Amino acid sequence: MNALDHGMLNLPLAKRGDIDARIDSYKTRQAAIAESERRNSNAARKQAKATLAELLDSDLPAIHAARLGMHRADLVETLTEWAKWEPSKMLKVAAAWRKA
């Protein structure tokens, strides 16, 4: 039904169809979309954490921390936070470090 389908508006409520079924269908679709987004977000986070583990096993954090004037532990902490909450930043760092 469109927003203002006047043909539908002129029908009595009993003949318009089951509004509860349409609401339930809408809620089910919205829940499926939210679940899909959650799964994609979790997959990105897992990939970022795996990338972080690879980077931490190498000498790159010590090299880049010295270059940035930071302690290695501070850099590792920052990268760990990015892997948790902003995985796209973590993946950009990993890509840049691999090129260098």
PDB file of N, CA and C in Angstrom:
ATOM      1  N   MET A   1       0.845  -1.174   0.000  1.00  0.00           N
ATOM      2  CA  MET A   1       0.000   0.000   0.000  1.00  0.00           C
ATOM      3  C   MET A   1       0.884   1.229   0.000  1.00  0.00           C
ATOM      4  N   ASN A   2       0.574   2.181  -0.843  1.00  0.00           N
ATOM      5  CA  ASN A   2       1.300   3.443  -0.876  1.00  0.00           C
ATOM      6  C   ASN A   2       0.915   4.292   0.321  1.00  0.00           C
ATOM      7  N   ALA A   3       1.650   5.368   0.524  1.00  0.00           N
ATOM      8  CA  ALA A   3       1.423   6.225   1.684  1.00  0.00           C
ATOM      9  C   ALA A   3      -0.013   6.754   1.728  1.00  0.00           C
ATOM     10  N   LEU A   4      -0.490   7.301   0.641  1.00  0.00           N
ATOM     11  CA  LEU A   4      -1.854   7.833   0.610  1.00  0.00           C
ATOM     12  C   LEU A   4      -2.616   7.244  -0.574  1.00  0.00           C
ATOM     13  N   ASP A   5      -2.860   5.959  -0.533  1.00  0.00           N
ATOM     14  CA  ASP A   5      -3.637   5.292  -1.574  1.00  0.00           C
ATOM     15  C   ASP A   5      -5.113   5.524  -1.238  1.00  0.00           C
ATOM     16  N   HIS A   6      -5.726   6.496  -1.902  1.00  0.00           N
ATOM     17  CA  HIS A   6      -7.075   6.898  -1.544  1.00  0.00           C
ATOM     18  C   HIS A   6      -8.096   5.797  -1.789  1.00  0.00           C
ATOM     19  N   GLY A   7      -7.819   4.927  -2.719  1.00  0.00           N
ATOM     20  CA  GLY A   7      -8.718   3.792  -2.913  1.00  0.00           C
ATOM     21  C   GLY A   7      -8.737   2.907  -1.679  1.00  0.00           C
ATOM     22  N   MET A   8      -7.580   2.722  -1.063  1.00  0.00           N
ATOM     23  CA  MET A   8      -7.488   1.916   0.153  1.00  0.00           C
ATOM     24  C   MET A   8      -8.084   2.656   1.345  1.00  0.00           C
ATOM     25  N   LEU A   9      -7.899   3.976   1.381  1.00  0.00           N
ATOM     26  CA  LEU A   9      -8.405   4.744   2.519  1.00  0.00           C
ATOM     27  C   LEU A   9      -9.937   4.740   2.579  1.00  0.00           C
ATOM     28  N   ASN A  10     -10.589   4.563   1.447  1.00  0.00           N
ATOM     29  CA  ASN A  10     -12.056   4.560   1.430  1.00  0.00           C
ATOM     30  C   ASN A  10     -12.652   3.224   1.847  1.00  0.00           C
ATOM     31  N   LEU A  11     -11.833   2.206   1.986  1.00  0.00           N
ATOM     32  CA  LEU A  11     -12.340   0.902   2.416  1.00  0.00           C
ATOM     33  C   LEU A  11     -12.456   0.860   3.930  1.00  0.00           C
ATOM     34  N   PRO A  12     -13.423   0.110   4.417  1.00  0.00           N
ATOM     35  CA  PRO A  12     -13.495  -0.067   5.868  1.00  0.00           C
ATOM     36  C   PRO A  12     -12.248  -0.820   6.372  1.00  0.00           C
ATOM     37  N   LEU A  13     -11.887  -0.596   7.615  1.00  0.00           N
ATOM     38  CA  LEU A  13     -10.690  -1.210   8.191  1.00  0.00           C
ATOM     39  C   LEU A  13     -10.710  -2.724   8.069  1.00  0.00           C
ATOM     40  N   ALA A  14     -11.859  -3.330   8.228  1.00  0.00           N
ATOM     41  CA  ALA A  14     -11.958  -4.787   8.184  1.00  0.00           C
ATOM     42  C   ALA A  14     -11.609  -5.345   6.809  1.00  0.00           C
ATOM     43  N   LYS A  15     -11.751  -4.546   5.758  1.00  0.00           N
ATOM     44  CA  LYS A  15     -11.505  -5.033   4.406  1.00  0.00           C
ATOM     45  C   LYS A  15     -10.134  -4.618   3.860  1.00  0.00           C
ATOM     46  N   ARG A  16      -9.334  -3.894   4.628  1.00  0.00           N
ATOM     47  CA  ARG A  16      -8.029  -3.422   4.157  1.00  0.00           C
ATOM     48  C   ARG A  16      -6.940  -4.492   4.236  1.00  0.00           C
ATOM     49  N   GLY A  17      -7.190  -5.557   4.888  1.00  0.00           N
ATOM     50  CA  GLY A  17      -6.176  -6.593   5.042  1.00  0.00           C
ATOM     51  C   GLY A  17      -5.660  -6.605   6.469  1.00  0.00           C
ATOM     52  N   ASP A  18      -4.818  -7.548   6.734  1.00  0.00           N
ATOM     53  CA  ASP A  18      -4.305  -7.744   8.086  1.00  0.00           C
ATOM     54  C   ASP A  18      -3.081  -6.852   8.305  1.00  0.00           C
ATOM     55  N   ILE A  19      -3.288  -5.731   8.991  1.00  0.00           N
ATOM     56  CA  ILE A  19      -2.198  -4.790   9.236  1.00  0.00           C
ATOM     57  C   ILE A  19      -1.135  -5.406  10.146  1.00  0.00           C
ATOM     58  N   ASP A  20      -1.565  -6.249  11.074  1.00  0.00           N
ATOM     59  CA  ASP A  20      -0.606  -6.884  11.985  1.00  0.00           C
ATOM     60  C   ASP A  20       0.357  -7.787  11.221  1.00  0.00           C
ATOM     61  N   ALA A  21      -0.135  -8.477  10.211  1.00  0.00           N
ATOM     62  CA  ALA A  21       0.732  -9.344   9.405  1.00  0.00           C
ATOM     63  C   ALA A  21       1.743  -8.506   8.640  1.00  0.00           C
ATOM     64  N   ARG A  22       1.304  -7.355   8.131  1.00  0.00           N
ATOM     65  CA  ARG A  22       2.232  -6.483   7.407  1.00  0.00           C
ATOM     66  C   ARG A  22       3.291  -5.898   8.348  1.00  0.00           C
ATOM     67  N   ILE A  23       2.888  -5.541   9.551  1.00  0.00           N
ATOM     68  CA  ILE A  23       3.846  -5.018  10.535  1.00  0.00           C
ATOM     69  C   ILE A  23       4.853  -6.098  10.915  1.00  0.00           C
ATOM     70  N   ASP A  24       4.366  -7.313  11.150  1.00  0.00           N
ATOM     71  CA  ASP A  24       5.266  -8.423  11.485  1.00  0.00           C
ATOM     72  C   ASP A  24       6.243  -8.711  10.355  1.00  0.00           C
ATOM     73  N   SER A  25       5.764  -8.641   9.124  1.00  0.00           N
ATOM     74  CA  SER A  25       6.626  -8.862   7.966  1.00  0.00           C
ATOM     75  C   SER A  25       7.704  -7.786   7.892  1.00  0.00           C
ATOM     76  N   TYR A  26       7.305  -6.542   8.125  1.00  0.00           N
ATOM     77  CA  TYR A  26       8.264  -5.429   8.111  1.00  0.00           C
ATOM     78  C   TYR A  26       9.317  -5.611   9.203  1.00  0.00           C
ATOM     79  N   LYS A  27       8.891  -5.961  10.405  1.00  0.00           N
ATOM     80  CA  LYS A  27       9.826  -6.166  11.519  1.00  0.00           C
ATOM     81  C   LYS A  27      10.789  -7.306  11.215  1.00  0.00           C
ATOM     82  N   THR A  28      10.306  -8.362  10.593  1.00  0.00           N
ATOM     83  CA  THR A  28      11.157  -9.498  10.241  1.00  0.00           C
ATOM     84  C   THR A  28      12.216  -9.078   9.228  1.00  0.00           C
ATOM     85  N   ARG A  29      11.820  -8.305   8.223  1.00  0.00           N
ATOM     86  CA  ARG A  29      12.787  -7.813   7.227  1.00  0.00           C
ATOM     87  C   ARG A  29      13.831  -6.908   7.866  1.00  0.00           C
ATOM     88  N   GLN A  30      13.386  -6.011   8.755  1.00  0.00           N
ATOM     89  CA  GLN A  30      14.318  -5.107   9.424  1.00  0.00           C
ATOM     90  C   GLN A  30      15.288  -5.873  10.319  1.00  0.00           C
ATOM     91  N   ALA A  31      14.809  -6.913  10.996  1.00  0.00           N
ATOM     92  CA  ALA A  31      15.681  -7.733  11.841  1.00  0.00           C
ATOM     93  C   ALA A  31      16.720  -8.474  11.003  1.00  0.00           C
ATOM     94  N   ALA A  32      16.318  -8.943   9.825  1.00  0.00           N
ATOM     95  CA  ALA A  32      17.258  -9.633   8.939  1.00  0.00           C
ATOM     96  C   ALA A  32      18.334  -8.675   8.440  1.00  0.00           C
ATOM     97  N   ILE A  33      17.948  -7.455   8.119  1.00  0.00           N
ATOM     98  CA  ILE A  33      18.925  -6.454   7.676  1.00  0.00           C
ATOM     99  C   ILE A  33      19.902  -6.130   8.796  1.00  0.00           C
ATOM    100  N   ALA A  34      19.385  -5.937  10.007  1.00  0.00           N
ATOM    101  CA  ALA A  34      20.245  -5.633  11.158  1.00  0.00           C
ATOM    102  C   ALA A  34      21.202  -6.784  11.444  1.00  0.00           C
ATOM    103  N   GLU A  35      20.737  -8.007  11.328  1.00  0.00           N
ATOM    104  CA  GLU A  35      21.585  -9.177  11.556  1.00  0.00           C
ATOM    105  C   GLU A  35      22.693  -9.252  10.509  1.00  0.00           C
ATOM    106  N   SER A  36      22.350  -8.967   9.270  1.00  0.00           N
ATOM    107  CA  SER A  36      23.349  -8.972   8.205  1.00  0.00           C
ATOM    108  C   SER A  36      24.422  -7.916   8.455  1.00  0.00           C
ATOM    109  N   GLU A  37      24.006  -6.712   8.850  1.00  0.00           N
ATOM    110  CA  GLU A  37      24.968  -5.648   9.151  1.00  0.00           C
ATOM    111  C   GLU A  37      25.858  -6.028  10.328  1.00  0.00           C
ATOM    112  N   ARG A  38      25.281  -6.661  11.346  1.00  0.00           N
ATOM    113  CA  ARG A  38      26.050  -7.091  12.516  1.00  0.00           C
ATOM    114  C   ARG A  38      27.094  -8.137  12.129  1.00  0.00           C
ATOM    115  N   ARG A  39      26.707  -9.066  11.283  1.00  0.00           N
ATOM    116  CA  ARG A  39      27.652 -10.099  10.842  1.00  0.00           C
ATOM    117  C   ARG A  39      28.793  -9.495  10.030  1.00  0.00           C
ATOM    118  N   ASN A  40      28.479  -8.544   9.152  1.00  0.00           N
ATOM    119  CA  ASN A  40      29.522  -7.882   8.368  1.00  0.00           C
ATOM    120  C   ASN A  40      30.477  -7.111   9.261  1.00  0.00           C
ATOM    121  N   SER A  41      29.929  -6.445  10.261  1.00  0.00           N
ATOM    122  CA  SER A  41      30.757  -5.685  11.199  1.00  0.00           C
ATOM    123  C   SER A  41      31.666  -6.624  11.988  1.00  0.00           C
ATOM    124  N   ASN A  42      31.125  -7.730  12.434  1.00  0.00           N
ATOM    125  CA  ASN A  42      31.931  -8.706  13.179  1.00  0.00           C
ATOM    126  C   ASN A  42      33.022  -9.302  12.301  1.00  0.00           C
ATOM    127  N   ALA A  43      32.717  -9.562  11.050  1.00  0.00           N
ATOM    128  CA  ALA A  43      33.721 -10.119  10.137  1.00  0.00           C
ATOM    129  C   ALA A  43      34.857  -9.125   9.918  1.00  0.00           C
ATOM    130  N   ALA A  44      34.517  -7.854   9.758  1.00  0.00           N
ATOM    131  CA  ALA A  44      35.552  -6.826   9.580  1.00  0.00           C
ATOM    132  C   ALA A  44      36.417  -6.717  10.829  1.00  0.00           C
ATOM    133  N   ARG A  45      35.790  -6.789  11.991  1.00  0.00           N
ATOM    134  CA  ARG A  45      36.536  -6.704  13.246  1.00  0.00           C
ATOM    135  C   ARG A  45      37.479  -7.890  13.403  1.00  0.00           C
ATOM    136  N   LYS A  46      37.012  -9.080  13.058  1.00  0.00           N
ATOM    137  CA  LYS A  46      37.869 -10.275  13.149  1.00  0.00           C
ATOM    138  C   LYS A  46      39.044 -10.173  12.186  1.00  0.00           C
ATOM    139  N   GLN A  47      38.789  -9.671  10.988  1.00  0.00           N
ATOM    140  CA  GLN A  47      39.869  -9.510  10.014  1.00  0.00           C
ATOM    141  C   GLN A  47      40.896  -8.503  10.522  1.00  0.00           C
ATOM    142  N   ALA A  48      40.422  -7.410  11.121  1.00  0.00           N
ATOM    143  CA  ALA A  48      41.336  -6.399  11.650  1.00  0.00           C
ATOM    144  C   ALA A  48      42.169  -6.968  12.790  1.00  0.00           C
ATOM    145  N   LYS A  49      41.572  -7.775  13.640  1.00  0.00           N
ATOM    146  CA  LYS A  49      42.324  -8.383  14.748  1.00  0.00           C
ATOM    147  C   LYS A  49      43.364  -9.368  14.228  1.00  0.00           C
ATOM    148  N   ALA A  50      43.029 -10.112  13.181  1.00  0.00           N
ATOM    149  CA  ALA A  50      43.997 -11.040  12.588  1.00  0.00           C
ATOM    150  C   ALA A  50      45.158 -10.271  11.967  1.00  0.00           C
ATOM    151  N   THR A  51      44.847  -9.173  11.308  1.00  0.00           N
ATOM    152  CA  THR A  51      45.881  -8.328  10.719  1.00  0.00           C
ATOM    153  C   THR A  51      46.768  -7.747  11.809  1.00  0.00           C
ATOM    154  N   LEU A  52      46.151  -7.326  12.904  1.00  0.00           N
ATOM    155  CA  LEU A  52      46.909  -6.793  14.033  1.00  0.00           C
ATOM    156  C   LEU A  52      47.861  -7.838  14.593  1.00  0.00           C
ATOM    157  N   ALA A  53      47.397  -9.067  14.716  1.00  0.00           N
ATOM    158  CA  ALA A  53      48.261 -10.137  15.231  1.00  0.00           C
ATOM    159  C   ALA A  53      49.462 -10.345  14.317  1.00  0.00           C
ATOM    160  N   GLU A  54      49.239 -10.285  13.008  1.00  0.00           N
ATOM    161  CA  GLU A  54      50.353 -10.414  12.056  1.00  0.00           C
ATOM    162  C   GLU A  54      51.353  -9.274  12.229  1.00  0.00           C
ATOM    163  N   LEU A  55      50.837  -8.054  12.357  1.00  0.00           N
ATOM    164  CA  LEU A  55      51.723  -6.896  12.493  1.00  0.00           C
ATOM    165  C   LEU A  55      52.524  -6.945  13.792  1.00  0.00           C
ATOM    166  N   LEU A  56      51.893  -7.380  14.854  1.00  0.00           N
ATOM    167  CA  LEU A  56      52.583  -7.402  16.144  1.00  0.00           C
ATOM    168  C   LEU A  56      53.667  -8.470  16.200  1.00  0.00           C
ATOM    169  N   ASP A  57      53.549  -9.486  15.369  1.00  0.00           N
ATOM    170  CA  ASP A  57      54.580 -10.531  15.321  1.00  0.00           C
ATOM    171  C   ASP A  57      55.823 -10.066  14.569  1.00  0.00           C
ATOM    172  N   SER A  58      55.703  -8.975  13.836  1.00  0.00           N
ATOM    173  CA  SER A  58      56.843  -8.472  13.062  1.00  0.00           C
ATOM    174  C   SER A  58      57.561  -7.368  13.845  1.00  0.00           C
ATOM    175  N   ASP A  59      58.602  -6.820  13.239  1.00  0.00           N
ATOM    176  CA  ASP A  59      59.353  -5.720  13.841  1.00  0.00           C
ATOM    177  C   ASP A  59      58.761  -4.360  13.480  1.00  0.00           C
ATOM    178  N   LEU A  60      57.721  -4.340  12.685  1.00  0.00           N
ATOM    179  CA  LEU A  60      57.160  -3.077  12.209  1.00  0.00           C
ATOM    180  C   LEU A  60      56.683  -2.139  13.322  1.00  0.00           C
ATOM    181  N   PRO A  61      56.016  -2.623  14.375  1.00  0.00           N
ATOM    182  CA  PRO A  61      55.580  -1.679  15.416  1.00  0.00           C
ATOM    183  C   PRO A  61      56.750  -0.938  16.067  1.00  0.00           C
ATOM    184  N   ALA A  62      57.846  -1.619  16.321  1.00  0.00           N
ATOM    185  CA  ALA A  62      59.001  -0.956  16.936  1.00  0.00           C
ATOM    186  C   ALA A  62      59.601   0.075  15.985  1.00  0.00           C
ATOM    187  N   ILE A  63      59.688  -0.274  14.711  1.00  0.00           N
ATOM    188  CA  ILE A  63      60.262   0.638  13.719  1.00  0.00           C
ATOM    189  C   ILE A  63      59.401   1.893  13.592  1.00  0.00           C
ATOM    190  N   HIS A  64      58.080   1.705  13.453  1.00  0.00           N
ATOM    191  CA  HIS A  64      57.194   2.841  13.252  1.00  0.00           C
ATOM    192  C   HIS A  64      57.011   3.646  14.541  1.00  0.00           C
ATOM    193  N   ALA A  65      57.059   2.998  15.694  1.00  0.00           N
ATOM    194  CA  ALA A  65      56.957   3.734  16.951  1.00  0.00           C
ATOM    195  C   ALA A  65      58.150   4.670  17.103  1.00  0.00           C
ATOM    196  N   ALA A  66      59.340   4.185  16.777  1.00  0.00           N
ATOM    197  CA  ALA A  66      60.535   5.029  16.858  1.00  0.00           C
ATOM    198  C   ALA A  66      60.434   6.191  15.879  1.00  0.00           C
ATOM    199  N   ARG A  67      59.933   5.903  14.690  1.00  0.00           N
ATOM    200  CA  ARG A  67      59.787   6.941  13.674  1.00  0.00           C
ATOM    201  C   ARG A  67      58.770   8.008  14.100  1.00  0.00           C
ATOM    202  N   LEU A  68      57.726   7.579  14.801  1.00  0.00           N
ATOM    203  CA  LEU A  68      56.680   8.501  15.255  1.00  0.00           C
ATOM    204  C   LEU A  68      57.007   9.156  16.591  1.00  0.00           C
ATOM    205  N   GLY A  69      58.087   8.725  17.217  1.00  0.00           N
ATOM    206  CA  GLY A  69      58.458   9.279  18.516  1.00  0.00           C
ATOM    207  C   GLY A  69      57.584   8.767  19.639  1.00  0.00           C
ATOM    208  N   MET A  70      57.125   7.536  19.518  1.00  0.00           N
ATOM    209  CA  MET A  70      56.260   6.928  20.527  1.00  0.00           C
ATOM    210  C   MET A  70      56.959   5.712  21.114  1.00  0.00           C
ATOM    211  N   HIS A  71      56.417   5.249  22.219  1.00  0.00           N
ATOM    212  CA  HIS A  71      56.864   3.969  22.742  1.00  0.00           C
ATOM    213  C   HIS A  71      56.118   2.874  21.991  1.00  0.00           C
ATOM    214  N   ARG A  72      56.757   1.721  21.859  1.00  0.00           N
ATOM    215  CA  ARG A  72      56.129   0.601  21.145  1.00  0.00           C
ATOM    216  C   ARG A  72      54.805   0.222  21.801  1.00  0.00           C
ATOM    217  N   ALA A  73      54.777   0.190  23.133  1.00  0.00           N
ATOM    218  CA  ALA A  73      53.562  -0.216  23.855  1.00  0.00           C
ATOM    219  C   ALA A  73      52.395   0.737  23.562  1.00  0.00           C
ATOM    220  N   ASP A  74      52.681   2.036  23.469  1.00  0.00           N
ATOM    221  CA  ASP A  74      51.618   3.001  23.162  1.00  0.00           C
ATOM    222  C   ASP A  74      51.065   2.781  21.759  1.00  0.00           C
ATOM    223  N   LEU A  75      51.949   2.505  20.828  1.00  0.00           N
ATOM    224  CA  LEU A  75      51.513   2.246  19.458  1.00  0.00           C
ATOM    225  C   LEU A  75      50.683   0.968  19.388  1.00  0.00           C
ATOM    226  N   VAL A  76      51.126  -0.060  20.075  1.00  0.00           N
ATOM    227  CA  VAL A  76      50.388  -1.327  20.090  1.00  0.00           C
ATOM    228  C   VAL A  76      49.010  -1.129  20.716  1.00  0.00           C
ATOM    229  N   GLU A  77      48.940  -0.343  21.778  1.00  0.00           N
ATOM    230  CA  GLU A  77      47.653  -0.075  22.422  1.00  0.00           C
ATOM    231  C   GLU A  77      46.705   0.657  21.469  1.00  0.00           C
ATOM    232  N   THR A  78      47.235   1.639  20.763  1.00  0.00           N
ATOM    233  CA  THR A  78      46.421   2.387  19.797  1.00  0.00           C
ATOM    234  C   THR A  78      45.917   1.475  18.686  1.00  0.00           C
ATOM    235  N   LEU A  79      46.800   0.654  18.169  1.00  0.00           N
ATOM    236  CA  LEU A  79      46.402  -0.258  17.089  1.00  0.00           C
ATOM    237  C   LEU A  79      45.371  -1.270  17.580  1.00  0.00           C
ATOM    238  N   THR A  80      45.510  -1.718  18.805  1.00  0.00           N
ATOM    239  CA  THR A  80      44.545  -2.669  19.363  1.00  0.00           C
ATOM    240  C   THR A  80      43.171  -2.021  19.486  1.00  0.00           C
ATOM    241  N   GLU A  81      43.137  -0.776  19.941  1.00  0.00           N
ATOM    242  CA  GLU A  81      41.860  -0.067  20.029  1.00  0.00           C
ATOM    243  C   GLU A  81      41.235   0.124  18.654  1.00  0.00           C
ATOM    244  N   TRP A  82      42.057   0.460  17.671  1.00  0.00           N
ATOM    245  CA  TRP A  82      41.527   0.611  16.318  1.00  0.00           C
ATOM    246  C   TRP A  82      40.972  -0.705  15.804  1.00  0.00           C
ATOM    247  N   ALA A  83      41.652  -1.805  16.100  1.00  0.00           N
ATOM    248  CA  ALA A  83      41.173  -3.109  15.632  1.00  0.00           C
ATOM    249  C   ALA A  83      39.816  -3.438  16.250  1.00  0.00           C
ATOM    250  N   LYS A  84      39.589  -2.996  17.483  1.00  0.00           N
ATOM    251  CA  LYS A  84      38.311  -3.272  18.150  1.00  0.00           C
ATOM    252  C   LYS A  84      37.188  -2.387  17.625  1.00  0.00           C
ATOM    253  N   TRP A  85      37.436  -1.070  17.589  1.00  0.00           N
ATOM    254  CA  TRP A  85      36.348  -0.127  17.361  1.00  0.00           C
ATOM    255  C   TRP A  85      36.338   0.507  15.977  1.00  0.00           C
ATOM    256  N   GLU A  86      37.492   0.588  15.322  1.00  0.00           N
ATOM    257  CA  GLU A  86      37.551   1.182  13.987  1.00  0.00           C
ATOM    258  C   GLU A  86      38.415   0.305  13.081  1.00  0.00           C
ATOM    259  N   PRO A  87      37.896  -0.875  12.720  1.00  0.00           N
ATOM    260  CA  PRO A  87      38.712  -1.825  11.953  1.00  0.00           C
ATOM    261  C   PRO A  87      39.197  -1.285  10.621  1.00  0.00           C
ATOM    262  N   SER A  88      38.463  -0.365  10.019  1.00  0.00           N
ATOM    263  CA  SER A  88      38.905   0.173   8.728  1.00  0.00           C
ATOM    264  C   SER A  88      40.210   0.952   8.883  1.00  0.00           C
ATOM    265  N   LYS A  89      40.373   1.675  10.003  1.00  0.00           N
ATOM    266  CA  LYS A  89      41.633   2.391  10.249  1.00  0.00           C
ATOM    267  C   LYS A  89      42.783   1.398  10.391  1.00  0.00           C
ATOM    268  N   MET A  90      42.524   0.313  11.113  1.00  0.00           N
ATOM    269  CA  MET A  90      43.565  -0.689  11.338  1.00  0.00           C
ATOM    270  C   MET A  90      44.008  -1.290  10.013  1.00  0.00           C
ATOM    271  N   LEU A  91      43.079  -1.576   9.138  1.00  0.00           N
ATOM    272  CA  LEU A  91      43.415  -2.175   7.853  1.00  0.00           C
ATOM    273  C   LEU A  91      44.178  -1.190   6.959  1.00  0.00           C
ATOM    274  N   LYS A  92      43.848   0.122   7.075  1.00  0.00           N
ATOM    275  CA  LYS A  92      44.598   1.128   6.318  1.00  0.00           C
ATOM    276  C   LYS A  92      46.042   1.210   6.804  1.00  0.00           C
ATOM    277  N   VAL A  93      46.240   1.136   8.117  1.00  0.00           N
ATOM    278  CA  VAL A  93      47.599   1.159   8.680  1.00  0.00           C
ATOM    279  C   VAL A  93      48.378  -0.046   8.187  1.00  0.00           C
ATOM    280  N   ALA A  94      47.742  -1.209   8.212  1.00  0.00           N
ATOM    281  CA  ALA A  94      48.407  -2.434   7.784  1.00  0.00           C
ATOM    282  C   ALA A  94      48.819  -2.335   6.316  1.00  0.00           C
ATOM    283  N   ALA A  95      47.924  -1.808   5.488  1.00  0.00           N
ATOM    284  CA  ALA A  95      48.239  -1.684   4.061  1.00  0.00           C
ATOM    285  C   ALA A  95      49.393  -0.708   3.858  1.00  0.00           C
ATOM    286  N   ALA A  96      49.394   0.405   4.581  1.00  0.00           N
ATOM    287  CA  ALA A  96      50.464   1.391   4.441  1.00  0.00           C
ATOM    288  C   ALA A  96      51.801   0.822   4.913  1.00  0.00           C
ATOM    289  N   TRP A  97      51.789   0.069   5.996  1.00  0.00           N
ATOM    290  CA  TRP A  97      53.027  -0.494   6.535  1.00  0.00           C
ATOM    291  C   TRP A  97      53.598  -1.549   5.596  1.00  0.00           C
ATOM    292  N   ARG A  98      52.724  -2.285   4.944  1.00  0.00           N
ATOM    293  CA  ARG A  98      53.213  -3.314   4.026  1.00  0.00           C
ATOM    294  C   ARG A  98      53.870  -2.701   2.795  1.00  0.00           C
ATOM    295  N   LYS A  99      53.392  -1.532   2.376  1.00  0.00           N
ATOM    296  CA  LYS A  99      53.994  -0.851   1.219  1.00  0.00           C
ATOM    297  C   LYS A  99      55.347  -0.279   1.565  1.00  0.00           C
ATOM    298  N   ALA A 100      55.494   0.193   2.801  1.00  0.00           N
ATOM    299  CA  ALA A 100      56.746   0.864   3.216  1.00  0.00           C
ATOM    300  C   ALA A 100      57.898  -0.097   3.368  1.00  0.00           C
TER     301      ALA A 100
END
